[in-house]
């Protein structure tokens, strides 16, 4: 019974985190080679992807203690792209 209780509590926690990330805007930047960088808030952390004509690759995952825009602003060699109004 204790295991089922723990599993239900963990599921509830994960659903809450997933719901919190749905409305978080992604952030965009350009790196020093011109590639597009995007930071997306996920339930497990903020994933940072590098996108080029050849494809995309996840390059980092950060703790969820900052917004995607704050993560990109703190990264060296990247110029944040301002959000659209």
PDB file of N, CA and C in Angstrom:
ATOM      1  N   UNK A   1       0.821  -1.200   0.000  1.00  0.00           N
ATOM      2  CA  UNK A   1       0.000   0.000   0.000  1.00  0.00           C
ATOM      3  C   UNK A   1       0.862   1.260   0.000  1.00  0.00           C
ATOM      4  N   UNK A   2       1.954   1.254   0.759  1.00  0.00           N
ATOM      5  CA  UNK A   2       2.804   2.434   0.826  1.00  0.00           C
ATOM      6  C   UNK A   2       3.392   2.734  -0.560  1.00  0.00           C
ATOM      7  N   UNK A   3       3.750   1.684  -1.314  1.00  0.00           N
ATOM      8  CA  UNK A   3       4.320   1.885  -2.642  1.00  0.00           C
ATOM      9  C   UNK A   3       3.303   2.524  -3.580  1.00  0.00           C
ATOM     10  N   UNK A   4       2.077   2.102  -3.521  1.00  0.00           N
ATOM     11  CA  UNK A   4       1.023   2.686  -4.347  1.00  0.00           C
ATOM     12  C   UNK A   4       0.796   4.143  -3.975  1.00  0.00           C
ATOM     13  N   UNK A   5       0.810   4.437  -2.693  1.00  0.00           N
ATOM     14  CA  UNK A   5       0.645   5.820  -2.225  1.00  0.00           C
ATOM     15  C   UNK A   5       1.778   6.706  -2.736  1.00  0.00           C
ATOM     16  N   UNK A   6       2.994   6.208  -2.652  1.00  0.00           N
ATOM     17  CA  UNK A   6       4.161   6.964  -3.133  1.00  0.00           C
ATOM     18  C   UNK A   6       4.070   7.170  -4.646  1.00  0.00           C
ATOM     19  N   UNK A   7       3.676   6.137  -5.368  1.00  0.00           N
ATOM     20  CA  UNK A   7       3.556   6.244  -6.820  1.00  0.00           C
ATOM     21  C   UNK A   7       2.503   7.269  -7.218  1.00  0.00           C
ATOM     22  N   UNK A   8       1.372   7.278  -6.521  1.00  0.00           N
ATOM     23  CA  UNK A   8       0.316   8.256  -6.815  1.00  0.00           C
ATOM     24  C   UNK A   8       0.779   9.675  -6.498  1.00  0.00           C
ATOM     25  N   UNK A   9       1.497   9.845  -5.422  1.00  0.00           N
ATOM     26  CA  UNK A   9       2.008  11.169  -5.059  1.00  0.00           C
ATOM     27  C   UNK A   9       3.012  11.660  -6.100  1.00  0.00           C
ATOM     28  N   UNK A  10       3.877  10.767  -6.572  1.00  0.00           N
ATOM     29  CA  UNK A  10       4.852  11.133  -7.596  1.00  0.00           C
ATOM     30  C   UNK A  10       4.164  11.475  -8.914  1.00  0.00           C
ATOM     31  N   UNK A  11       3.152  10.731  -9.280  1.00  0.00           N
ATOM     32  CA  UNK A  11       2.391  11.028 -10.491  1.00  0.00           C
ATOM     33  C   UNK A  11       1.720  12.394 -10.388  1.00  0.00           C
ATOM     34  N   UNK A  12       1.149  12.686  -9.248  1.00  0.00           N
ATOM     35  CA  UNK A  12       0.520  13.992  -9.041  1.00  0.00           C
ATOM     36  C   UNK A  12       1.552  15.116  -9.155  1.00  0.00           C
ATOM     37  N   UNK A  13       2.735  14.906  -8.607  1.00  0.00           N
ATOM     38  CA  UNK A  13       3.797  15.908  -8.690  1.00  0.00           C
ATOM     39  C   UNK A  13       4.217  16.131 -10.135  1.00  0.00           C
ATOM     40  N   UNK A  14       4.404  15.056 -10.871  1.00  0.00           N
ATOM     41  CA  UNK A  14       4.814  15.168 -12.269  1.00  0.00           C
ATOM     42  C   UNK A  14       3.749  15.865 -13.114  1.00  0.00           C
ATOM     43  N   UNK A  15       2.495  15.593 -12.858  1.00  0.00           N
ATOM     44  CA  UNK A  15       1.415  16.239 -13.602  1.00  0.00           C
ATOM     45  C   UNK A  15       1.370  17.736 -13.299  1.00  0.00           C
ATOM     46  N   UNK A  16       1.632  18.100 -12.070  1.00  0.00           N
ATOM     47  CA  UNK A  16       1.659  19.514 -11.697  1.00  0.00           C
ATOM     48  C   UNK A  16       2.784  20.240 -12.410  1.00  0.00           C
ATOM     49  N   UNK A  17       3.964  19.652 -12.418  1.00  0.00           N
ATOM     50  CA  UNK A  17       5.109  20.273 -13.102  1.00  0.00           C
ATOM     51  C   UNK A  17       4.833  20.379 -14.599  1.00  0.00           C
ATOM     52  N   UNK A  18       4.277  19.332 -15.202  1.00  0.00           N
ATOM     53  CA  UNK A  18       3.966  19.360 -16.632  1.00  0.00           C
ATOM     54  C   UNK A  18       2.964  20.469 -16.948  1.00  0.00           C
ATOM     55  N   UNK A  19       1.969  20.644 -16.107  1.00  0.00           N
ATOM     56  CA  UNK A  19       0.977  21.698 -16.322  1.00  0.00           C
ATOM     57  C   UNK A  19       1.609  23.082 -16.188  1.00  0.00           C
ATOM     58  N   UNK A  20       2.567  23.231 -15.299  1.00  0.00           N
ATOM     59  CA  UNK A  20       3.234  24.522 -15.114  1.00  0.00           C
ATOM     60  C   UNK A  20       4.051  24.912 -16.336  1.00  0.00           C
ATOM     61  N   UNK A  21       4.608  23.944 -17.054  1.00  0.00           N
ATOM     62  CA  UNK A  21       5.491  24.254 -18.178  1.00  0.00           C
ATOM     63  C   UNK A  21       4.739  24.531 -19.471  1.00  0.00           C
ATOM     64  N   UNK A  22       3.459  24.222 -19.539  1.00  0.00           N
ATOM     65  CA  UNK A  22       2.692  24.375 -20.777  1.00  0.00           C
ATOM     66  C   UNK A  22       2.660  25.823 -21.251  1.00  0.00           C
ATOM     67  N   UNK A  23       2.522  26.764 -20.361  1.00  0.00           N
ATOM     68  CA  UNK A  23       2.366  28.167 -20.741  1.00  0.00           C
ATOM     69  C   UNK A  23       3.658  28.978 -20.697  1.00  0.00           C
ATOM     70  N   UNK A  24       4.801  28.331 -20.545  1.00  0.00           N
ATOM     71  CA  UNK A  24       6.077  29.044 -20.504  1.00  0.00           C
ATOM     72  C   UNK A  24       6.578  29.231 -21.932  1.00  0.00           C
ATOM     73  N   UNK A  25       6.844  30.479 -22.290  1.00  0.00           N
ATOM     74  CA  UNK A  25       7.319  30.785 -23.638  1.00  0.00           C
ATOM     75  C   UNK A  25       8.749  30.285 -23.840  1.00  0.00           C
ATOM     76  N   UNK A  26       9.041  29.705 -24.996  1.00  0.00           N
ATOM     77  CA  UNK A  26      10.423  29.354 -25.290  1.00  0.00           C
ATOM     78  C   UNK A  26      11.232  30.627 -25.533  1.00  0.00           C
ATOM     79  N   UNK A  27      12.531  30.520 -25.481  1.00  0.00           N
ATOM     80  CA  UNK A  27      13.408  31.661 -25.755  1.00  0.00           C
ATOM     81  C   UNK A  27      14.340  31.278 -26.901  1.00  0.00           C
ATOM     82  N   UNK A  28      14.751  32.295 -27.664  1.00  0.00           N
ATOM     83  CA  UNK A  28      15.571  32.062 -28.836  1.00  0.00           C
ATOM     84  C   UNK A  28      16.827  32.921 -28.790  1.00  0.00           C
ATOM     85  N   UNK A  29      17.887  32.420 -29.412  1.00  0.00           N
ATOM     86  CA  UNK A  29      19.141  33.170 -29.515  1.00  0.00           C
ATOM     87  C   UNK A  29      19.860  32.686 -30.767  1.00  0.00           C
ATOM     88  N   UNK A  30      20.906  33.410 -31.140  1.00  0.00           N
ATOM     89  CA  UNK A  30      21.819  32.993 -32.204  1.00  0.00           C
ATOM     90  C   UNK A  30      23.188  32.811 -31.581  1.00  0.00           C
ATOM     91  N   UNK A  31      23.871  31.733 -31.963  1.00  0.00           N
ATOM     92  CA  UNK A  31      25.227  31.572 -31.442  1.00  0.00           C
ATOM     93  C   UNK A  31      26.219  32.255 -32.377  1.00  0.00           C
ATOM     94  N   UNK A  32      27.492  32.184 -32.052  1.00  0.00           N
ATOM     95  CA  UNK A  32      28.497  32.915 -32.823  1.00  0.00           C
ATOM     96  C   UNK A  32      28.743  32.342 -34.216  1.00  0.00           C
ATOM     97  N   UNK A  33      28.121  31.205 -34.552  1.00  0.00           N
ATOM     98  CA  UNK A  33      28.198  30.658 -35.908  1.00  0.00           C
ATOM     99  C   UNK A  33      26.938  30.959 -36.712  1.00  0.00           C
ATOM    100  N   UNK A  34      25.952  31.581 -36.067  1.00  0.00           N
ATOM    101  CA  UNK A  34      24.691  31.902 -36.732  1.00  0.00           C
ATOM    102  C   UNK A  34      23.596  30.876 -36.528  1.00  0.00           C
ATOM    103  N   UNK A  35      23.908  29.773 -35.845  1.00  0.00           N
ATOM    104  CA  UNK A  35      22.893  28.748 -35.586  1.00  0.00           C
ATOM    105  C   UNK A  35      21.827  29.288 -34.640  1.00  0.00           C
ATOM    106  N   UNK A  36      20.609  28.816 -34.808  1.00  0.00           N
ATOM    107  CA  UNK A  36      19.512  29.191 -33.918  1.00  0.00           C
ATOM    108  C   UNK A  36      19.579  28.330 -32.665  1.00  0.00           C
ATOM    109  N   UNK A  37      19.452  28.956 -31.525  1.00  0.00           N
ATOM    110  CA  UNK A  37      19.418  28.257 -30.234  1.00  0.00           C
ATOM    111  C   UNK A  37      18.030  28.489 -29.642  1.00  0.00           C
ATOM    112  N   UNK A  38      17.416  27.437 -29.154  1.00  0.00           N
ATOM    113  CA  UNK A  38      16.107  27.575 -28.510  1.00  0.00           C
ATOM    114  C   UNK A  38      16.161  26.897 -27.145  1.00  0.00           C
ATOM    115  N   UNK A  39      15.576  27.552 -26.157  1.00  0.00           N
ATOM    116  CA  UNK A  39      15.474  26.986 -24.804  1.00  0.00           C
ATOM    117  C   UNK A  39      13.992  26.757 -24.512  1.00  0.00           C
ATOM    118  N   UNK A  40      13.667  25.533 -24.124  1.00  0.00           N
ATOM    119  CA  UNK A  40      12.281  25.134 -23.889  1.00  0.00           C
ATOM    120  C   UNK A  40      12.145  24.587 -22.479  1.00  0.00           C
ATOM    121  N   UNK A  41      11.159  25.069 -21.749  1.00  0.00           N
ATOM    122  CA  UNK A  41      10.896  24.581 -20.393  1.00  0.00           C
ATOM    123  C   UNK A  41      10.204  23.233 -20.488  1.00  0.00           C
ATOM    124  N   UNK A  42      10.788  22.239 -19.876  1.00  0.00           N
ATOM    125  CA  UNK A  42      10.243  20.884 -19.829  1.00  0.00           C
ATOM    126  C   UNK A  42      10.032  20.506 -18.363  1.00  0.00           C
ATOM    127  N   UNK A  43       9.247  19.481 -18.099  1.00  0.00           N
ATOM    128  CA  UNK A  43       9.045  19.076 -16.703  1.00  0.00           C
ATOM    129  C   UNK A  43      10.333  18.702 -15.984  1.00  0.00           C
ATOM    130  N   UNK A  44      11.326  18.190 -16.681  1.00  0.00           N
ATOM    131  CA  UNK A  44      12.581  17.745 -16.058  1.00  0.00           C
ATOM    132  C   UNK A  44      13.651  18.824 -16.041  1.00  0.00           C
ATOM    133  N   UNK A  45      13.438  19.952 -16.725  1.00  0.00           N
ATOM    134  CA  UNK A  45      14.420  21.028 -16.766  1.00  0.00           C
ATOM    135  C   UNK A  45      14.254  21.849 -18.026  1.00  0.00           C
ATOM    136  N   UNK A  46      15.155  22.758 -18.247  1.00  0.00           N
ATOM    137  CA  UNK A  46      15.112  23.586 -19.447  1.00  0.00           C
ATOM    138  C   UNK A  46      16.087  22.992 -20.451  1.00  0.00           C
ATOM    139  N   UNK A  47      15.540  22.516 -21.562  1.00  0.00           N
ATOM    140  CA  UNK A  47      16.368  21.930 -22.614  1.00  0.00           C
ATOM    141  C   UNK A  47      16.778  23.030 -23.581  1.00  0.00           C
ATOM    142  N   UNK A  48      18.049  22.999 -23.977  1.00  0.00           N
ATOM    143  CA  UNK A  48      18.581  23.957 -24.934  1.00  0.00           C
ATOM    144  C   UNK A  48      18.980  23.185 -26.196  1.00  0.00           C
ATOM    145  N   UNK A  49      18.455  23.619 -27.341  1.00  0.00           N
ATOM    146  CA  UNK A  49      18.705  22.967 -28.616  1.00  0.00           C
ATOM    147  C   UNK A  49      19.444  23.906 -29.559  1.00  0.00           C
ATOM    148  N   UNK A  50      20.323  23.336 -30.380  1.00  0.00           N
ATOM    149  CA  UNK A  50      21.021  24.074 -31.439  1.00  0.00           C
ATOM    150  C   UNK A  50      20.444  23.596 -32.763  1.00  0.00           C
ATOM    151  N   UNK A  51      19.959  24.547 -33.568  1.00  0.00           N
ATOM    152  CA  UNK A  51      19.284  24.215 -34.817  1.00  0.00           C
ATOM    153  C   UNK A  51      20.062  24.813 -35.987  1.00  0.00           C
ATOM    154  N   UNK A  52      20.407  23.958 -36.955  1.00  0.00           N
ATOM    155  CA  UNK A  52      21.106  24.386 -38.161  1.00  0.00           C
ATOM    156  C   UNK A  52      20.367  23.802 -39.365  1.00  0.00           C
ATOM    157  N   UNK A  53      20.853  24.118 -40.556  1.00  0.00           N
ATOM    158  CA  UNK A  53      20.261  23.536 -41.768  1.00  0.00           C
ATOM    159  C   UNK A  53      20.391  22.021 -41.781  1.00  0.00           C
ATOM    160  N   UNK A  54      21.408  21.494 -41.107  1.00  0.00           N
ATOM    161  CA  UNK A  54      21.654  20.048 -41.081  1.00  0.00           C
ATOM    162  C   UNK A  54      20.746  19.307 -40.101  1.00  0.00           C
ATOM    163  N   UNK A  55      20.101  20.014 -39.188  1.00  0.00           N
ATOM    164  CA  UNK A  55      19.237  19.363 -38.205  1.00  0.00           C
ATOM    165  C   UNK A  55      19.299  20.062 -36.859  1.00  0.00           C
ATOM    166  N   UNK A  56      18.933  19.340 -35.815  1.00  0.00           N
ATOM    167  CA  UNK A  56      18.958  19.913 -34.470  1.00  0.00           C
ATOM    168  C   UNK A  56      19.564  18.916 -33.497  1.00  0.00           C
ATOM    169  N   UNK A  57      20.028  19.468 -32.382  1.00  0.00           N
ATOM    170  CA  UNK A  57      20.641  18.632 -31.355  1.00  0.00           C
ATOM    171  C   UNK A  57      20.444  19.295 -29.998  1.00  0.00           C
ATOM    172  N   UNK A  58      20.044  18.500 -29.010  1.00  0.00           N
ATOM    173  CA  UNK A  58      19.971  19.040 -27.647  1.00  0.00           C
ATOM    174  C   UNK A  58      21.393  19.208 -27.151  1.00  0.00           C
ATOM    175  N   UNK A  59      21.715  20.415 -26.697  1.00  0.00           N
ATOM    176  CA  UNK A  59      23.083  20.674 -26.270  1.00  0.00           C
ATOM    177  C   UNK A  59      23.228  20.806 -24.764  1.00  0.00           C
ATOM    178  N   UNK A  60      22.134  21.094 -24.069  1.00  0.00           N
ATOM    179  CA  UNK A  60      22.212  21.236 -22.606  1.00  0.00           C
ATOM    180  C   UNK A  60      20.844  21.052 -21.988  1.00  0.00           C
ATOM    181  N   UNK A  61      20.848  20.698 -20.718  1.00  0.00           N
ATOM    182  CA  UNK A  61      19.635  20.706 -19.901  1.00  0.00           C
ATOM    183  C   UNK A  61      19.989  21.394 -18.598  1.00  0.00           C
ATOM    184  N   UNK A  62      19.184  22.373 -18.214  1.00  0.00           N
ATOM    185  CA  UNK A  62      19.421  23.163 -17.006  1.00  0.00           C
ATOM    186  C   UNK A  62      18.318  22.910 -15.984  1.00  0.00           C
ATOM    187  N   UNK A  63      18.613  23.220 -14.741  1.00  0.00           N
ATOM    188  CA  UNK A  63      17.603  23.144 -13.681  1.00  0.00           C
ATOM    189  C   UNK A  63      16.510  24.177 -13.975  1.00  0.00           C
ATOM    190  N   UNK A  64      15.356  23.958 -13.422  1.00  0.00           N
ATOM    191  CA  UNK A  64      14.226  24.853 -13.663  1.00  0.00           C
ATOM    192  C   UNK A  64      14.208  26.033 -12.689  1.00  0.00           C
ATOM    193  N   UNK A  65      15.377  26.523 -12.293  1.00  0.00           N
ATOM    194  CA  UNK A  65      15.431  27.642 -11.349  1.00  0.00           C
ATOM    195  C   UNK A  65      15.450  28.995 -12.060  1.00  0.00           C
ATOM    196  N   UNK A  66      15.458  28.986 -13.401  1.00  0.00           N
ATOM    197  CA  UNK A  66      15.411  30.211 -14.200  1.00  0.00           C
ATOM    198  C   UNK A  66      14.446  30.000 -15.359  1.00  0.00           C
ATOM    199  N   UNK A  67      14.089  31.090 -16.021  1.00  0.00           N
ATOM    200  CA  UNK A  67      13.246  30.983 -17.214  1.00  0.00           C
ATOM    201  C   UNK A  67      14.122  30.641 -18.415  1.00  0.00           C
ATOM    202  N   UNK A  68      13.521  30.161 -19.498  1.00  0.00           N
ATOM    203  CA  UNK A  68      14.313  29.916 -20.698  1.00  0.00           C
ATOM    204  C   UNK A  68      15.072  31.164 -21.174  1.00  0.00           C
ATOM    205  N   UNK A  69      14.456  32.320 -21.095  1.00  0.00           N
ATOM    206  CA  UNK A  69      15.124  33.558 -21.512  1.00  0.00           C
ATOM    207  C   UNK A  69      16.332  33.865 -20.628  1.00  0.00           C
ATOM    208  N   UNK A  70      16.222  33.618 -19.336  1.00  0.00           N
ATOM    209  CA  UNK A  70      17.348  33.856 -18.425  1.00  0.00           C
ATOM    210  C   UNK A  70      18.497  32.888 -18.700  1.00  0.00           C
ATOM    211  N   UNK A  71      18.159  31.659 -19.057  1.00  0.00           N
ATOM    212  CA  UNK A  71      19.189  30.672 -19.388  1.00  0.00           C
ATOM    213  C   UNK A  71      19.987  31.141 -20.598  1.00  0.00           C
ATOM    214  N   UNK A  72      19.291  31.573 -21.654  1.00  0.00           N
ATOM    215  CA  UNK A  72      19.996  32.006 -22.861  1.00  0.00           C
ATOM    216  C   UNK A  72      20.758  33.306 -22.636  1.00  0.00           C
ATOM    217  N   UNK A  73      20.224  34.206 -21.838  1.00  0.00           N
ATOM    218  CA  UNK A  73      20.908  35.474 -21.569  1.00  0.00           C
ATOM    219  C   UNK A  73      22.227  35.243 -20.832  1.00  0.00           C
ATOM    220  N   UNK A  74      22.302  34.189 -20.044  1.00  0.00           N
ATOM    221  CA  UNK A  74      23.513  33.902 -19.263  1.00  0.00           C
ATOM    222  C   UNK A  74      24.541  33.094 -20.049  1.00  0.00           C
ATOM    223  N   UNK A  75      24.173  32.626 -21.238  1.00  0.00           N
ATOM    224  CA  UNK A  75      25.081  31.787 -22.026  1.00  0.00           C
ATOM    225  C   UNK A  75      26.081  32.634 -22.803  1.00  0.00           C
ATOM    226  N   UNK A  76      27.329  32.234 -22.770  1.00  0.00           N
ATOM    227  CA  UNK A  76      28.371  32.943 -23.520  1.00  0.00           C
ATOM    228  C   UNK A  76      28.305  32.554 -24.995  1.00  0.00           C
ATOM    229  N   UNK A  77      28.629  33.491 -25.856  1.00  0.00           N
ATOM    230  CA  UNK A  77      28.656  33.207 -27.292  1.00  0.00           C
ATOM    231  C   UNK A  77      27.301  33.159 -27.936  1.00  0.00           C
ATOM    232  N   UNK A  78      26.266  33.642 -27.234  1.00  0.00           N
ATOM    233  CA  UNK A  78      24.911  33.644 -27.778  1.00  0.00           C
ATOM    234  C   UNK A  78      24.314  35.035 -27.657  1.00  0.00           C
ATOM    235  N   UNK A  79      23.585  35.434 -28.691  1.00  0.00           N
ATOM    236  CA  UNK A  79      22.899  36.719 -28.684  1.00  0.00           C
ATOM    237  C   UNK A  79      21.398  36.431 -28.630  1.00  0.00           C
ATOM    238  N   UNK A  80      20.726  36.810 -27.536  1.00  0.00           N
ATOM    239  CA  UNK A  80      19.283  36.559 -27.443  1.00  0.00           C
ATOM    240  C   UNK A  80      18.507  37.248 -28.561  1.00  0.00           C
ATOM    241  N   UNK A  81      17.496  36.576 -29.061  1.00  0.00           N
ATOM    242  CA  UNK A  81      16.564  37.151 -30.039  1.00  0.00           C
ATOM    243  C   UNK A  81      15.393  37.690 -29.227  1.00  0.00           C
ATOM    244  N   UNK A  82      15.078  38.994 -29.365  1.00  0.00           N
ATOM    245  CA  UNK A  82      13.982  39.559 -28.573  1.00  0.00           C
ATOM    246  C   UNK A  82      12.650  38.882 -28.913  1.00  0.00           C
ATOM    247  N   UNK A  83      11.787  38.714 -27.934  1.00  0.00           N
ATOM    248  CA  UNK A  83      10.469  38.107 -28.202  1.00  0.00           C
ATOM    249  C   UNK A  83       9.625  39.043 -29.050  1.00  0.00           C
ATOM    250  N   UNK A  84       8.720  38.473 -29.799  1.00  0.00           N
ATOM    251  CA  UNK A  84       7.792  39.276 -30.590  1.00  0.00           C
ATOM    252  C   UNK A  84       6.788  39.933 -29.656  1.00  0.00           C
ATOM    253  N   UNK A  85       6.365  41.144 -30.029  1.00  0.00           N
ATOM    254  CA  UNK A  85       5.362  41.820 -29.163  1.00  0.00           C
ATOM    255  C   UNK A  85       4.017  41.162 -29.214  1.00  0.00           C
TER     256      UNK A  85
END
